[in-house]
Amino acid sequence: MDDLLGALPFRLPSEAEWEYAARAGTITLTFRGDGKPDEDQVLDYFADEERTAAAENAFGLAAMGSANEICADVWIPHFTDAPADARPRTGDGSRVVRGGGGDLSPWQGCDE
């Protein structure tokens, strides 16, 4: 995979960069705010693909968190030894995948 990525004119974002882009610079739980949506709101957020794709955050990025997106970081449990800046964590292992409804996970108990 690294060989393929090295040949492309772009790079994967670090997990920190992905998170910053997804939150659109906010410091709230999600770019929608600190409120935890109930089940009906979650279904409403993701039930309509066109509306989900059109739901832009303050940076104008749409559908952040609605699809799995690979980051440059190697996955390490619980952010152990995560860099203090936006550099990706390096090493051997699986890459971090963000999204896929990830903006809902802080209260889902999935230990992401």
C-alpha atoms as a PDB file:
ATOM      1  CA  MET A   1       0.000   0.000   0.000  1.00  0.00           C
ATOM      2  CA  ASP A   2       2.812   2.428   0.847  1.00  0.00           C
ATOM      3  CA  ASP A   3       4.292   1.951  -2.644  1.00  0.00           C
ATOM      4  CA  LEU A   4       0.967   2.839  -4.243  1.00  0.00           C
ATOM      5  CA  LEU A   5       0.488   5.870  -2.015  1.00  0.00           C
ATOM      6  CA  GLY A   6       4.024   7.051  -2.731  1.00  0.00           C
ATOM      7  CA  ALA A   7       3.246   7.125  -6.450  1.00  0.00           C
ATOM      8  CA  LEU A   8       0.161   9.327  -6.045  1.00  0.00           C
ATOM      9  CA  PRO A   9       0.215  13.138  -6.084  1.00  0.00           C
ATOM     10  CA  PHE A  10      -1.409  13.327  -2.637  1.00  0.00           C
ATOM     11  CA  ARG A  11      -0.964  11.793   0.798  1.00  0.00           C
ATOM     12  CA  LEU A  12      -3.241  10.398   3.454  1.00  0.00           C
ATOM     13  CA  PRO A  13      -4.043  12.781   6.286  1.00  0.00           C
ATOM     14  CA  SER A  14      -2.799  12.032   9.755  1.00  0.00           C
ATOM     15  CA  GLU A  15      -5.516  11.107  12.229  1.00  0.00           C
ATOM     16  CA  ALA A  16      -5.127  14.538  13.843  1.00  0.00           C
ATOM     17  CA  GLU A  17      -5.541  16.260  10.466  1.00  0.00           C
ATOM     18  CA  TRP A  18      -8.633  14.153   9.709  1.00  0.00           C
ATOM     19  CA  GLU A  19     -10.147  15.015  13.080  1.00  0.00           C
ATOM     20  CA  TYR A  20      -9.450  18.744  12.621  1.00  0.00           C
ATOM     21  CA  ALA A  21     -11.024  18.675   9.151  1.00  0.00           C
ATOM     22  CA  ALA A  22     -14.043  16.683  10.351  1.00  0.00           C
ATOM     23  CA  ARG A  23     -14.660  19.011  13.306  1.00  0.00           C
ATOM     24  CA  ALA A  24     -14.061  22.083  11.110  1.00  0.00           C
ATOM     25  CA  GLY A  25     -11.932  23.730  13.766  1.00  0.00           C
ATOM     26  CA  THR A  26     -14.540  23.420  16.505  1.00  0.00           C
ATOM     27  CA  ILE A  27     -13.727  22.133  19.978  1.00  0.00           C
ATOM     28  CA  THR A  28     -17.137  20.534  20.457  1.00  0.00           C
ATOM     29  CA  LEU A  29     -17.868  16.808  20.546  1.00  0.00           C
ATOM     30  CA  THR A  30     -18.742  16.866  16.826  1.00  0.00           C
ATOM     31  CA  PHE A  31     -18.980  19.657  14.273  1.00  0.00           C
ATOM     32  CA  ARG A  32     -22.716  19.702  15.037  1.00  0.00           C
ATOM     33  CA  GLY A  33     -22.017  20.690  18.661  1.00  0.00           C
ATOM     34  CA  ASP A  34     -21.759  18.992  22.048  1.00  0.00           C
ATOM     35  CA  GLY A  35     -25.266  17.553  22.079  1.00  0.00           C
ATOM     36  CA  LYS A  36     -25.596  13.799  21.918  1.00  0.00           C
ATOM     37  CA  PRO A  37     -28.260  12.934  19.363  1.00  0.00           C
ATOM     38  CA  ASP A  38     -30.968  10.468  20.269  1.00  0.00           C
ATOM     39  CA  GLU A  39     -31.623   7.439  18.044  1.00  0.00           C
ATOM     40  CA  ASP A  40     -34.149   9.286  15.875  1.00  0.00           C
ATOM     41  CA  GLN A  41     -31.662  12.094  15.203  1.00  0.00           C
ATOM     42  CA  VAL A  42     -28.920   9.595  14.317  1.00  0.00           C
ATOM     43  CA  LEU A  43     -31.233   7.861  11.870  1.00  0.00           C
ATOM     44  CA  ASP A  44     -32.238  11.261  10.488  1.00  0.00           C
ATOM     45  CA  TYR A  45     -28.573  12.325  10.048  1.00  0.00           C
ATOM     46  CA  PHE A  46     -27.658   9.223   8.026  1.00  0.00           C
ATOM     47  CA  ALA A  47     -30.927   8.019   6.487  1.00  0.00           C
ATOM     48  CA  ASP A  48     -30.763  10.114   3.329  1.00  0.00           C
ATOM     49  CA  GLU A  49     -27.505   9.744   1.346  1.00  0.00           C
ATOM     50  CA  GLU A  50     -28.030  12.924  -0.658  1.00  0.00           C
ATOM     51  CA  ARG A  51     -28.718  14.993   2.435  1.00  0.00           C
ATOM     52  CA  THR A  52     -25.810  13.379   4.330  1.00  0.00           C
ATOM     53  CA  ALA A  53     -23.438  14.126   1.454  1.00  0.00           C
ATOM     54  CA  ALA A  54     -24.691  17.712   1.294  1.00  0.00           C
ATOM     55  CA  ALA A  55     -24.302  18.372   5.040  1.00  0.00           C
ATOM     56  CA  GLU A  56     -21.220  20.577   4.896  1.00  0.00           C
ATOM     57  CA  ASN A  57     -19.282  21.558   7.978  1.00  0.00           C
ATOM     58  CA  ALA A  58     -17.843  25.062   8.484  1.00  0.00           C
ATOM     59  CA  PHE A  59     -14.858  24.205   6.215  1.00  0.00           C
ATOM     60  CA  GLY A  60     -17.241  23.240   3.395  1.00  0.00           C
ATOM     61  CA  LEU A  61     -16.379  19.542   3.701  1.00  0.00           C
ATOM     62  CA  ALA A  62     -19.354  17.245   3.217  1.00  0.00           C
ATOM     63  CA  ALA A  63     -20.083  13.784   4.609  1.00  0.00           C
ATOM     64  CA  MET A  64     -17.097  13.715   6.972  1.00  0.00           C
ATOM     65  CA  GLY A  65     -17.601  10.669   9.142  1.00  0.00           C
ATOM     66  CA  SER A  66     -20.163   8.951   6.952  1.00  0.00           C
ATOM     67  CA  ALA A  67     -17.637   6.680   5.175  1.00  0.00           C
ATOM     68  CA  ASN A  68     -14.548   4.802   6.344  1.00  0.00           C
ATOM     69  CA  GLU A  69     -11.468   6.897   5.562  1.00  0.00           C
ATOM     70  CA  ILE A  70      -7.903   5.585   5.931  1.00  0.00           C
ATOM     71  CA  CYS A  71      -5.404   7.804   7.729  1.00  0.00           C
ATOM     72  CA  ALA A  72      -1.591   7.795   7.586  1.00  0.00           C
ATOM     73  CA  ASP A  73      -1.291   6.732  11.244  1.00  0.00           C
ATOM     74  CA  VAL A  74      -0.586   3.235  12.458  1.00  0.00           C
ATOM     75  CA  TRP A  75      -3.277   2.210  14.942  1.00  0.00           C
ATOM     76  CA  ILE A  76      -2.213   2.230  18.587  1.00  0.00           C
ATOM     77  CA  PRO A  77      -4.740   1.499  21.353  1.00  0.00           C
ATOM     78  CA  HIS A  78      -5.964   4.465  23.381  1.00  0.00           C
ATOM     79  CA  PHE A  79      -3.744   7.044  21.621  1.00  0.00           C
ATOM     80  CA  THR A  80      -0.724   5.798  23.599  1.00  0.00           C
ATOM     81  CA  ASP A  81       2.385   7.789  22.633  1.00  0.00           C
ATOM     82  CA  ALA A  82       0.434   9.864  20.106  1.00  0.00           C
ATOM     83  CA  PRO A  83       2.473  12.812  18.779  1.00  0.00           C
ATOM     84  CA  ALA A  84       1.594  16.187  20.293  1.00  0.00           C
ATOM     85  CA  ASP A  85       1.492  17.725  16.812  1.00  0.00           C
ATOM     86  CA  ALA A  86      -0.296  16.534  13.662  1.00  0.00           C
ATOM     87  CA  ARG A  87       2.420  14.061  12.592  1.00  0.00           C
ATOM     88  CA  PRO A  88       1.131  10.526  11.994  1.00  0.00           C
ATOM     89  CA  ARG A  89       2.136   7.724  14.348  1.00  0.00           C
ATOM     90  CA  THR A  90       4.548   5.439  12.522  1.00  0.00           C
ATOM     91  CA  GLY A  91       5.410   1.781  12.867  1.00  0.00           C
ATOM     92  CA  ASP A  92       4.145  -1.591  11.768  1.00  0.00           C
ATOM     93  CA  GLY A  93       0.520  -2.583  11.842  1.00  0.00           C
ATOM     94  CA  SER A  94      -2.887  -1.628  10.611  1.00  0.00           C
ATOM     95  CA  ARG A  95      -3.681   1.935   9.644  1.00  0.00           C
ATOM     96  CA  VAL A  96      -6.199   4.066  11.506  1.00  0.00           C
ATOM     97  CA  VAL A  97      -9.612   4.239   9.862  1.00  0.00           C
ATOM     98  CA  ARG A  98     -11.824   7.172  10.780  1.00  0.00           C
ATOM     99  CA  GLY A  99     -15.382   7.830   9.786  1.00  0.00           C
ATOM    100  CA  GLY A 100     -18.067   5.279   9.138  1.00  0.00           C
ATOM    101  CA  GLY A 101     -20.298   7.075  11.610  1.00  0.00           C
ATOM    102  CA  GLY A 102     -17.217   7.940  13.661  1.00  0.00           C
ATOM    103  CA  ASP A 103     -18.664  11.284  14.696  1.00  0.00           C
ATOM    104  CA  LEU A 104     -21.120   9.302  16.829  1.00  0.00           C
ATOM    105  CA  SER A 105     -18.684   6.887  18.477  1.00  0.00           C
ATOM    106  CA  PRO A 106     -17.662   8.820  21.611  1.00  0.00           C
ATOM    107  CA  TRP A 107     -20.744   7.558  23.420  1.00  0.00           C
ATOM    108  CA  GLN A 108     -21.219   4.240  21.638  1.00  0.00           C
ATOM    109  CA  GLY A 109     -18.685   2.449  23.843  1.00  0.00           C
ATOM    110  CA  CYS A 110     -16.829   0.890  20.905  1.00  0.00           C
ATOM    111  CA  ASP A 111     -13.388   1.789  22.317  1.00  0.00           C
ATOM    112  CA  GLU A 112     -12.338   3.449  19.053  1.00  0.00           C
END
